[in-house]
């Protein structure tokens, strides 16, 4: 796998360590994008674009998204399900990981459907050219207007609870019907961060098992609702395969119960959750290995129950896009606390990557402007925001840094742009899509004017 941590002989180690690999081509097992390399100037390149040149043109912080890595991940998922599942299958991109026009368009071009969780994500997918029948609308508290938006768009609506189900019963008519799936809570635990465990019984998501027969009976009375599938999701950043084996049997059992009520269940959605590699110690299964387990165990569960194979759906997000992106920063001020720590501050932080302060997530860092320089320093990379906890990486091994040097944080494609904020009134960064030496702006950098666009000053406060 990718070598990250320097050995005891740090003086001969450099950021080039990040590019050493055993040849794996599963994007989720790579910390850097598949196209990453070091050029003759000793700079990091992604998509045949020099990271320093990109910063020069587009500024920093800068999200740099490798189109080749993203497309490769999409293709691996589709090919694996086609190879290992003898029935119909559908791979969806869980767009909450990074929802923007360009990303949705790429996923759509690669034959993926799109999973959205808000009216805004639904609008973006539609504007990106995704057909409404390839959009599945998730979320645990969709508003009345969002449900109406989903009905009018004609997308699949994944119903999470009684409130949504009854609201749909009011909003739909024979002339404005809705096709739905039901999200169920499978009661399967995973060893992951407490905040991103969604499959256990104590969860805000989904109908609990003891509600199912009542829910199925209710739907049979709703002539404008057609329930075609069941959905469950057991968590995020999962490295275990056993929970996914267990999930298939649970879903098939529920499908049998639903069919006893006459519901035309033809789709089972196992969610996503496959993890990615952020640091050397992370060891997620490959996309192909994950898909094989999911497919094989769905087939076994159906054979054991003597039922026909449903359309098998999965909805990866992080494992599609997480490793496809690096974020470039410029080094500014530095501070050494004698005997304790050296800080180097970057021009971003928790506003463009809230995961370290929110989840205590750990990343690695490269000296993008001096990839062969010895990793002679232990440096804590600090953000620029007015929070002591705004630290991007604690105690990173880096070369001697100077103001103006460019560093890059790999594996920032998932939940970085999508969770970015304007904390401290900092404009959100730009994003570029890189491929074959071409860089295309896909998200413009916010301006100071954008920060106050929606502010209103009452007349009595004006001077």
Protein backbone atom coordinates (compact mmCIF):
# COMPACT_ATOMS: atom_id res chain seq x y z
CA UNK A 1 0.00 0.00 0.00
CA UNK A 2 0.96 3.66 -0.07
CA UNK A 3 3.85 4.45 2.26
CA UNK A 4 3.22 7.54 4.35
CA UNK A 5 5.06 7.69 7.61
CA UNK A 6 8.78 8.44 7.57
CA UNK A 7 11.19 5.96 9.05
CA UNK A 8 13.51 6.73 11.92
CA UNK A 9 15.98 8.09 9.37
CA UNK A 10 13.87 11.10 8.50
CA UNK A 11 16.69 12.98 6.81
CA UNK A 12 16.49 10.73 3.76
CA UNK A 13 12.71 10.64 3.61
CA UNK A 14 10.56 13.12 1.74
CA UNK A 15 7.03 13.79 0.57
CA UNK A 16 7.71 11.43 -2.34
CA UNK A 17 6.86 8.67 0.14
CA UNK A 18 3.21 9.43 -0.55
CA UNK A 19 3.62 8.24 -4.11
CA UNK A 20 5.07 4.83 -3.32
CA UNK A 21 2.52 2.10 -3.96
CA UNK A 22 2.23 -1.64 -4.26
CA UNK A 23 0.26 -1.17 -7.46
CA UNK A 24 -3.29 -1.14 -6.10
CA UNK A 25 -5.69 0.69 -8.36
CA UNK A 26 -8.75 0.76 -6.12
CA UNK A 27 -9.07 4.52 -5.56
CA UNK A 28 -10.40 4.15 -2.02
CA UNK A 29 -7.17 2.37 -1.04
CA UNK A 30 -5.00 5.20 -2.31
CA UNK A 31 -4.38 8.34 -0.27
CA UNK A 32 -3.53 10.38 -3.35
CA UNK A 33 -5.42 10.53 -6.65
CA UNK A 34 -4.41 7.89 -9.18
CA UNK A 35 -2.81 10.50 -11.43
CA UNK A 36 -0.59 12.06 -8.74
CA UNK A 37 3.14 12.25 -9.47
CA UNK A 38 6.21 14.43 -8.95
CA UNK A 39 7.37 16.51 -11.91
CA UNK A 40 10.83 17.74 -12.90
CA UNK A 41 10.44 20.84 -10.77
CA UNK A 42 9.97 18.59 -7.74
CA UNK A 43 6.36 19.74 -7.46
CA UNK A 44 3.26 17.63 -6.93
CA UNK A 45 1.17 17.13 -10.04
CA UNK A 46 -2.44 15.92 -10.21
CA UNK A 47 -4.07 15.23 -13.54
CA UNK A 48 -0.85 16.35 -15.25
CA UNK A 49 -1.31 19.79 -13.68
CA UNK A 50 1.35 21.31 -11.43
CA UNK A 51 -0.29 22.11 -8.09
CA UNK A 52 1.78 25.30 -7.78
CA UNK A 53 0.60 26.46 -11.20
CA UNK A 54 -2.99 25.77 -10.18
CA UNK A 55 -2.57 27.85 -7.02
CA UNK A 56 -0.95 30.60 -9.07
CA UNK A 57 -3.95 30.69 -11.42
CA UNK A 58 -6.86 29.95 -9.08
CA UNK A 59 -5.57 30.95 -5.63
CA UNK A 60 -5.60 29.01 -2.38
CA UNK A 61 -7.06 27.26 -0.54
CA UNK A 62 -7.98 25.25 -3.61
CA UNK A 63 -9.83 21.97 -4.03
CA UNK A 64 -8.18 20.00 -6.86
CA UNK A 65 -10.40 17.18 -8.14
CA UNK A 66 -8.88 14.48 -10.34
CA UNK A 67 -11.40 13.47 -12.99
CA UNK A 68 -9.57 10.22 -13.81
CA UNK A 69 -9.74 8.95 -10.23
CA UNK A 70 -13.43 9.78 -9.89
CA UNK A 71 -14.34 8.11 -13.18
CA UNK A 72 -12.22 5.06 -12.33
CA UNK A 73 -14.07 4.59 -9.04
CA UNK A 74 -17.45 4.90 -10.78
CA UNK A 75 -16.40 2.33 -13.39
CA UNK A 76 -15.06 -0.11 -10.81
CA UNK A 77 -18.35 -0.09 -8.91
CA UNK A 78 -20.45 -0.62 -12.03
CA UNK A 79 -18.21 -3.33 -13.45
CA UNK A 80 -18.02 -5.18 -10.12
CA UNK A 81 -21.80 -5.31 -9.70
CA UNK A 82 -22.20 -6.42 -13.30
CA UNK A 83 -19.61 -9.15 -12.73
CA UNK A 84 -20.79 -10.47 -9.37
CA UNK A 85 -24.56 -9.99 -9.40
CA UNK A 86 -26.59 -12.07 -11.85
CA UNK A 87 -29.64 -9.83 -11.52
CA UNK A 88 -30.28 -6.17 -12.28
CA UNK A 89 -28.22 -3.68 -10.31
CA UNK A 90 -27.82 0.07 -9.91
CA UNK A 91 -24.95 2.07 -8.44
CA UNK A 92 -25.86 5.48 -7.07
CA UNK A 93 -23.55 8.31 -6.09
CA UNK A 94 -24.37 9.57 -2.59
CA UNK A 95 -23.98 13.19 -3.59
CA UNK A 96 -23.96 14.62 -0.07
CA UNK A 97 -20.24 13.75 -0.16
CA UNK A 98 -19.77 16.49 -2.78
CA UNK A 99 -22.79 17.83 -4.61
CA UNK A 100 -22.10 20.26 -7.42
CA UNK A 101 -23.02 20.39 -11.09
CA UNK A 102 -19.75 18.97 -12.43
CA UNK A 103 -19.56 16.04 -10.01
CA UNK A 104 -23.18 15.06 -10.61
CA UNK A 105 -22.62 15.32 -14.37
CA UNK A 106 -19.57 13.01 -14.24
CA UNK A 107 -21.42 10.41 -12.15
CA UNK A 108 -24.33 10.60 -14.59
CA UNK A 109 -22.03 10.15 -17.60
CA UNK A 110 -20.57 7.06 -15.94
CA UNK A 111 -24.02 5.51 -15.68
CA UNK A 112 -24.62 6.11 -11.97
CA UNK A 113 -27.86 7.28 -10.44
CA UNK A 114 -27.77 10.10 -7.88
CA UNK A 115 -28.74 9.98 -4.20
CA UNK A 116 -29.83 13.39 -2.89
CA UNK A 117 -30.87 14.44 0.61
CA UNK A 118 -32.34 17.92 0.14
CA UNK A 119 -34.23 20.06 -2.30
CA UNK A 120 -30.99 21.84 -3.14
CA UNK A 121 -29.19 18.61 -3.98
CA UNK A 122 -32.18 17.51 -6.05
CA UNK A 123 -32.13 20.78 -7.98
CA UNK A 124 -28.39 20.44 -8.62
CA UNK A 125 -28.74 16.89 -9.95
CA UNK A 126 -31.55 17.94 -12.28
CA UNK A 127 -29.59 20.96 -13.53
CA UNK A 128 -26.62 18.64 -14.16
CA UNK A 129 -28.77 16.68 -16.60
CA UNK A 130 -29.64 13.67 -14.44
CA UNK A 131 -32.92 12.04 -15.41
CA UNK A 132 -35.49 12.20 -12.61
CA UNK A 133 -35.96 8.42 -12.64
CA UNK A 134 -32.26 8.11 -11.74
CA UNK A 135 -32.58 10.31 -8.65
CA UNK A 136 -33.43 8.89 -5.22
CA UNK A 137 -34.48 11.46 -2.62
CA UNK A 138 -33.29 10.58 0.90
CA UNK A 139 -33.37 12.48 4.21
CA UNK A 140 -34.94 12.06 7.64
CA UNK A 141 -36.88 15.33 7.75
CA UNK A 142 -37.82 16.34 4.24
CA UNK A 143 -40.07 19.38 4.39
CA UNK A 144 -43.49 19.50 2.82
CA UNK A 145 -42.12 21.66 0.02
CA UNK A 146 -39.22 19.26 -0.57
CA UNK A 147 -41.60 16.32 -0.80
CA UNK A 148 -43.72 18.32 -3.24
CA UNK A 149 -40.55 19.09 -5.20
CA UNK A 150 -39.75 15.38 -5.36
CA UNK A 151 -43.27 14.48 -6.49
CA UNK A 152 -43.21 17.12 -9.24
CA UNK A 153 -39.76 16.05 -10.40
CA UNK A 154 -40.84 12.41 -10.58
CA UNK A 155 -37.85 11.08 -8.67
CA UNK A 156 -37.89 8.11 -6.31
CA UNK A 157 -38.61 9.21 -2.74
CA UNK A 158 -37.03 7.22 0.09
CA UNK A 159 -39.51 7.58 2.94
CA UNK A 160 -37.83 7.76 6.34
CA UNK A 161 -40.66 7.98 8.89
CA UNK A 162 -44.37 8.22 9.59
CA UNK A 163 -44.42 12.01 9.23
CA UNK A 164 -43.11 11.81 5.66
CA UNK A 165 -45.34 8.88 4.78
CA UNK A 166 -48.50 10.60 5.98
CA UNK A 167 -47.49 13.87 4.32
CA UNK A 168 -47.05 12.03 1.03
CA UNK A 169 -50.46 10.49 1.54
CA UNK A 170 -51.87 14.02 1.61
CA UNK A 171 -49.78 15.46 -1.23
CA UNK A 172 -50.21 12.65 -3.76
CA UNK A 173 -53.25 11.96 -5.92
CA UNK A 174 -53.94 9.51 -8.77
CA UNK A 175 -52.89 12.34 -11.10
CA UNK A 176 -49.75 13.16 -9.07
CA UNK A 177 -48.52 9.82 -7.71
CA UNK A 178 -45.19 9.01 -6.11
CA UNK A 179 -42.87 6.04 -6.34
CA UNK A 180 -41.28 5.32 -2.98
CA UNK A 181 -38.84 3.15 -1.09
CA UNK A 182 -38.89 2.70 2.68
CA UNK A 183 -35.82 3.29 4.82
CA UNK A 184 -35.61 0.71 7.60
CA UNK A 185 -33.31 0.49 10.62
CA UNK A 186 -31.56 -2.89 10.46
CA UNK A 187 -30.06 -2.95 13.96
CA UNK A 188 -26.51 -3.70 12.77
CA UNK A 189 -23.56 -2.18 14.63
CA UNK A 190 -20.33 -1.08 12.96
CA UNK A 191 -16.99 -0.08 14.43
CA UNK A 192 -16.93 3.51 13.25
CA UNK A 193 -17.26 7.01 14.68
CA UNK A 194 -20.31 7.41 16.90
CA UNK A 195 -21.55 10.39 14.88
CA UNK A 196 -21.72 8.41 11.65
CA UNK A 197 -23.31 5.20 12.88
CA UNK A 198 -26.75 5.12 11.26
CA UNK A 199 -27.78 1.46 11.21
CA UNK A 200 -28.37 0.68 14.88
CA UNK A 201 -31.75 0.84 16.58
CA UNK A 202 -30.99 4.10 18.42
CA UNK A 203 -30.86 6.16 15.24
CA UNK A 204 -32.72 9.16 13.89
CA UNK A 205 -32.97 7.38 10.53
CA UNK A 206 -35.60 4.97 9.30
CA UNK A 207 -38.58 2.93 10.47
CA UNK A 208 -37.85 0.53 13.31
CA UNK A 209 -38.51 -3.20 12.74
CA UNK A 210 -41.55 -3.30 15.05
CA UNK A 211 -43.28 -0.67 12.87
CA UNK A 212 -42.97 -2.48 9.58
CA UNK A 213 -46.22 -4.39 9.36
CA UNK A 214 -48.20 -1.30 10.31
CA UNK A 215 -46.31 0.71 7.68
CA UNK A 216 -46.89 -1.93 5.01
CA UNK A 217 -50.60 -2.07 5.83
CA UNK A 218 -50.87 1.73 5.63
CA UNK A 219 -49.24 1.86 2.21
CA UNK A 220 -51.70 -0.68 0.80
CA UNK A 221 -54.43 1.88 1.46
CA UNK A 222 -52.63 4.68 -0.42
CA UNK A 223 -53.60 4.35 -4.07
CA UNK A 224 -51.23 7.15 -5.17
CA UNK A 225 -48.15 5.60 -3.54
CA UNK A 226 -46.26 2.74 -5.15
CA UNK A 227 -43.65 1.18 -2.89
CA UNK A 228 -41.05 -0.56 -5.03
CA UNK A 229 -38.17 -1.01 -2.60
CA UNK A 230 -36.56 -1.16 0.82
CA UNK A 231 -33.44 0.67 1.90
CA UNK A 232 -31.01 0.37 4.79
CA UNK A 233 -27.66 1.97 5.51
CA UNK A 234 -25.35 0.81 8.28
CA UNK A 235 -22.84 3.64 8.55
CA UNK A 236 -19.88 5.37 7.01
CA UNK A 237 -16.10 4.88 6.72
CA UNK A 238 -16.55 1.14 7.36
CA UNK A 239 -13.66 -1.28 6.91
CA UNK A 240 -15.54 -4.41 8.02
CA UNK A 241 -17.28 -6.72 5.56
CA UNK A 242 -19.34 -8.82 8.00
CA UNK A 243 -22.04 -6.16 8.60
CA UNK A 244 -22.73 -6.01 4.87
CA UNK A 245 -23.14 -9.79 4.81
CA UNK A 246 -25.68 -9.58 7.63
CA UNK A 247 -27.62 -6.76 5.98
CA UNK A 248 -28.62 -8.79 2.92
CA UNK A 249 -30.45 -11.41 5.00
CA UNK A 250 -32.27 -8.70 6.96
CA UNK A 251 -33.45 -6.93 3.82
CA UNK A 252 -34.64 -10.13 2.16
CA UNK A 253 -36.66 -11.05 5.25
CA UNK A 254 -38.34 -7.64 5.19
CA UNK A 255 -38.98 -7.97 1.46
CA UNK A 256 -40.84 -11.24 2.05
CA UNK A 257 -42.99 -9.57 4.71
CA UNK A 258 -43.79 -6.62 2.42
CA UNK A 259 -44.82 -8.93 -0.39
CA UNK A 260 -47.29 -10.67 1.90
CA UNK A 261 -49.06 -7.30 2.00
CA UNK A 262 -49.10 -7.16 -1.77
CA UNK A 263 -46.40 -4.50 -2.11
CA UNK A 264 -44.52 -4.73 -5.43
CA UNK A 265 -41.04 -4.77 -3.89
CA UNK A 266 -38.46 -5.14 -6.65
CA UNK A 267 -35.49 -3.15 -5.28
CA UNK A 268 -33.27 -3.63 -2.25
CA UNK A 269 -30.85 -0.82 -1.46
CA UNK A 270 -27.93 -1.77 0.81
CA UNK A 271 -26.65 1.82 1.17
CA UNK A 272 -22.95 2.55 1.05
CA UNK A 273 -20.38 3.11 3.74
CA UNK A 274 -17.16 1.66 2.30
CA UNK A 275 -14.24 3.53 3.84
CA UNK A 276 -11.22 5.16 2.27
CA UNK A 277 -7.59 5.47 3.22
CA UNK A 278 -6.74 8.75 4.96
CA UNK A 279 -3.53 7.57 6.65
CA UNK A 280 -1.14 4.66 6.30
CA UNK A 281 -2.79 2.64 9.09
CA UNK A 282 -6.17 2.65 7.31
CA UNK A 283 -6.85 -0.59 5.47
CA UNK A 284 -10.24 -0.55 3.74
CA UNK A 285 -11.38 -3.35 1.44
CA UNK A 286 -11.13 -2.58 -2.25
CA UNK A 287 -14.21 -1.50 -4.19
CA UNK A 288 -14.22 -4.86 -5.98
CA UNK A 289 -13.90 -6.89 -2.76
CA UNK A 290 -16.71 -4.90 -1.13
CA UNK A 291 -18.99 -5.30 -4.15
CA UNK A 292 -18.33 -9.05 -4.33
CA UNK A 293 -19.34 -9.55 -0.69
CA UNK A 294 -22.51 -7.49 -1.12
CA UNK A 295 -23.52 -9.27 -4.31
CA UNK A 296 -22.66 -12.80 -3.16
CA UNK A 297 -24.56 -12.46 0.09
CA UNK A 298 -27.63 -10.95 -1.54
CA UNK A 299 -27.71 -13.94 -3.89
CA UNK A 300 -27.30 -16.37 -0.96
CA UNK A 301 -30.04 -14.65 1.05
CA UNK A 302 -32.45 -14.84 -1.88
CA UNK A 303 -31.62 -18.47 -2.55
CA UNK A 304 -32.17 -19.35 1.11
CA UNK A 305 -35.56 -17.64 1.03
CA UNK A 306 -36.39 -19.06 -2.41
CA UNK A 307 -37.22 -15.63 -3.83
CA UNK A 308 -36.31 -13.96 -7.10
CA UNK A 309 -33.35 -11.62 -7.16
CA UNK A 310 -34.35 -7.99 -6.63
CA UNK A 311 -32.71 -5.05 -8.32
CA UNK A 312 -29.67 -4.56 -6.09
CA UNK A 313 -28.80 -0.94 -5.34
CA UNK A 314 -25.82 0.54 -3.55
CA UNK A 315 -25.02 4.17 -2.91
CA UNK A 316 -21.32 4.89 -2.26
CA UNK A 317 -20.20 8.46 -1.69
CA UNK A 318 -16.90 8.81 0.13
CA UNK A 319 -15.31 5.81 -1.61
CA UNK A 320 -16.13 7.31 -5.00
CA UNK A 321 -14.78 10.80 -4.50
CA UNK A 322 -12.79 11.02 -1.26
CA UNK A 323 -9.41 10.05 -2.69
CA UNK A 324 -9.94 11.96 -5.93
CA UNK A 325 -9.24 15.36 -4.38
CA UNK A 326 -6.38 17.19 -2.71
CA UNK A 327 -6.65 20.60 -1.07
CA UNK A 328 -3.78 23.02 -1.62
CA UNK A 329 -2.88 25.65 0.98
CA UNK A 330 -0.28 28.39 1.26
CA UNK A 331 1.90 28.58 4.37
CA UNK A 332 1.76 31.89 6.24
CA UNK A 333 2.91 32.56 9.79
CA UNK A 334 4.87 30.17 12.00
CA UNK A 335 5.35 29.94 15.75
CA UNK A 336 7.64 27.76 17.86
CA UNK A 337 6.76 27.01 21.47
CA UNK A 338 10.19 25.90 22.80
CA UNK A 339 10.22 22.28 23.88
CA UNK A 340 6.59 21.79 22.94
CA UNK A 341 5.54 22.41 19.35
CA UNK A 342 6.06 24.32 16.13
CA UNK A 343 2.99 25.71 14.39
CA UNK A 344 2.74 26.57 10.72
CA UNK A 345 -0.48 28.28 9.71
CA UNK A 346 -2.26 27.84 6.40
CA UNK A 347 -4.72 30.15 4.65
CA UNK A 348 -7.68 27.87 5.35
CA UNK A 349 -8.71 25.33 7.95
CA UNK A 350 -12.01 24.50 9.60
CA UNK A 351 -14.06 26.53 7.13
CA UNK A 352 -12.94 24.41 4.17
CA UNK A 353 -12.31 21.16 6.09
CA UNK A 354 -14.40 20.90 9.26
CA UNK A 355 -13.76 17.17 9.71
CA UNK A 356 -10.70 17.42 12.02
CA UNK A 357 -12.45 19.70 14.51
CA UNK A 358 -15.80 17.89 14.15
CA UNK A 359 -14.78 14.22 14.00
CA UNK A 360 -11.13 14.42 15.11
CA UNK A 361 -10.31 13.14 11.63
CA UNK A 362 -6.67 12.57 10.77
CA UNK A 363 -5.04 13.50 7.46
CA UNK A 364 -1.59 13.48 5.93
CA UNK A 365 0.17 16.43 4.29
CA UNK A 366 2.66 16.83 1.46
CA UNK A 367 5.08 19.66 0.81
CA UNK A 368 3.75 20.17 -2.71
CA UNK A 369 6.41 22.75 -3.56
CA UNK A 370 9.39 20.65 -2.42
CA UNK A 371 8.50 17.00 -2.71
CA UNK A 372 12.08 15.72 -2.30
CA UNK A 373 13.01 17.89 0.66
CA UNK A 374 13.94 15.91 3.80
CA UNK A 375 11.17 15.48 6.35
CA UNK A 376 13.28 17.02 9.09
CA UNK A 377 10.62 18.89 11.06
CA UNK A 378 7.64 17.98 13.23
CA UNK A 379 5.07 20.65 12.55
CA UNK A 380 1.46 21.16 13.61
CA UNK A 381 -0.46 22.57 10.67
CA UNK A 382 -2.86 25.16 12.04
CA UNK A 383 -5.84 26.80 10.41
CA UNK A 384 -6.37 30.55 10.26
CA UNK A 385 -9.64 30.67 12.18
CA UNK A 386 -10.13 32.12 15.63
CA UNK A 387 -10.45 28.75 17.37
CA UNK A 388 -7.72 26.94 19.30
CA UNK A 389 -9.13 23.69 17.92
CA UNK A 390 -8.68 24.78 14.32
CA UNK A 391 -5.78 22.42 13.64
CA UNK A 392 -5.63 20.63 10.31
CA UNK A 393 -2.95 18.09 11.28
CA UNK A 394 -1.12 17.55 14.56
CA UNK A 395 2.61 16.77 14.53
CA UNK A 396 3.09 16.24 10.81
CA UNK A 397 6.46 15.26 9.38
CA UNK A 398 7.42 18.03 6.95
CA UNK A 399 10.48 19.74 5.48
CA UNK A 400 11.58 23.15 6.69
CA UNK A 401 8.74 25.42 5.62
CA UNK A 402 8.82 29.05 4.62
CA UNK A 403 6.03 31.55 4.14
CA UNK A 404 4.64 31.07 0.66
CA UNK A 405 5.33 27.33 0.43
CA UNK A 406 2.46 25.22 -0.87
CA UNK A 407 1.27 22.16 1.01
CA UNK A 408 -1.39 19.69 -0.08
CA UNK A 409 -3.79 17.61 2.01
CA UNK A 410 -4.86 14.41 0.20
CA UNK A 411 -8.19 12.57 0.48
CA UNK A 412 -10.31 15.71 0.81
CA UNK A 413 -12.98 14.95 -1.77
CA UNK A 414 -15.68 13.82 0.64
CA UNK A 415 -17.43 16.13 3.11
CA UNK A 416 -14.92 18.97 2.71
CA UNK A 417 -16.47 21.18 0.07
CA UNK A 418 -19.95 19.98 1.03
CA UNK A 419 -19.50 20.89 4.71
CA UNK A 420 -17.54 24.10 4.13
CA UNK A 421 -18.69 27.28 5.84
CA UNK A 422 -18.04 31.00 6.06
CA UNK A 423 -16.88 30.86 9.66
CA UNK A 424 -15.05 34.08 10.54
CA UNK A 425 -16.53 35.40 7.30
CA UNK A 426 -13.94 33.58 5.24
CA UNK A 427 -14.96 33.06 1.59
CA UNK A 428 -15.25 29.43 0.55
CA UNK A 429 -12.52 28.16 -1.80
CA UNK A 430 -12.63 27.52 -5.50
CA UNK A 431 -12.58 24.00 -6.96
CA UNK A 432 -10.96 22.87 -10.18
CA UNK A 433 -11.36 19.67 -12.16
CA UNK A 434 -8.06 18.42 -13.61
CA UNK A 435 -7.42 15.88 -16.35
CA UNK A 436 -4.71 15.42 -18.97
CA UNK A 437 -3.09 18.76 -18.20
CA UNK A 438 -6.34 20.71 -18.40
CA UNK A 439 -7.83 22.52 -15.40
CA UNK A 440 -11.49 23.57 -15.45
CA UNK A 441 -13.06 25.74 -12.79
CA UNK A 442 -16.10 23.91 -11.37
CA UNK A 443 -16.75 26.09 -8.31
CA UNK A 444 -15.84 29.76 -8.25
CA UNK A 445 -14.10 31.24 -5.23
CA UNK A 446 -16.47 33.29 -3.14
CA UNK A 447 -15.80 37.01 -2.94
CA UNK A 448 -16.12 39.51 -0.13
CA UNK A 449 -19.30 40.73 -1.81
CA UNK A 450 -20.74 37.21 -1.59
CA UNK A 451 -20.27 37.27 2.18
CA UNK A 452 -22.68 40.16 2.69
CA UNK A 453 -25.01 39.44 -0.23
CA UNK A 454 -27.87 38.36 2.01
CA UNK A 455 -27.23 40.75 4.91
CA UNK A 456 -29.86 43.41 5.48
CA UNK A 457 -29.33 46.54 7.55
CA UNK A 458 -32.51 47.98 9.12
CA UNK A 459 -32.91 51.66 8.34
CA UNK A 460 -32.70 52.72 11.99
CA UNK A 461 -29.19 51.23 12.22
CA UNK A 462 -27.82 53.17 9.26
CA UNK A 463 -25.54 56.11 9.95
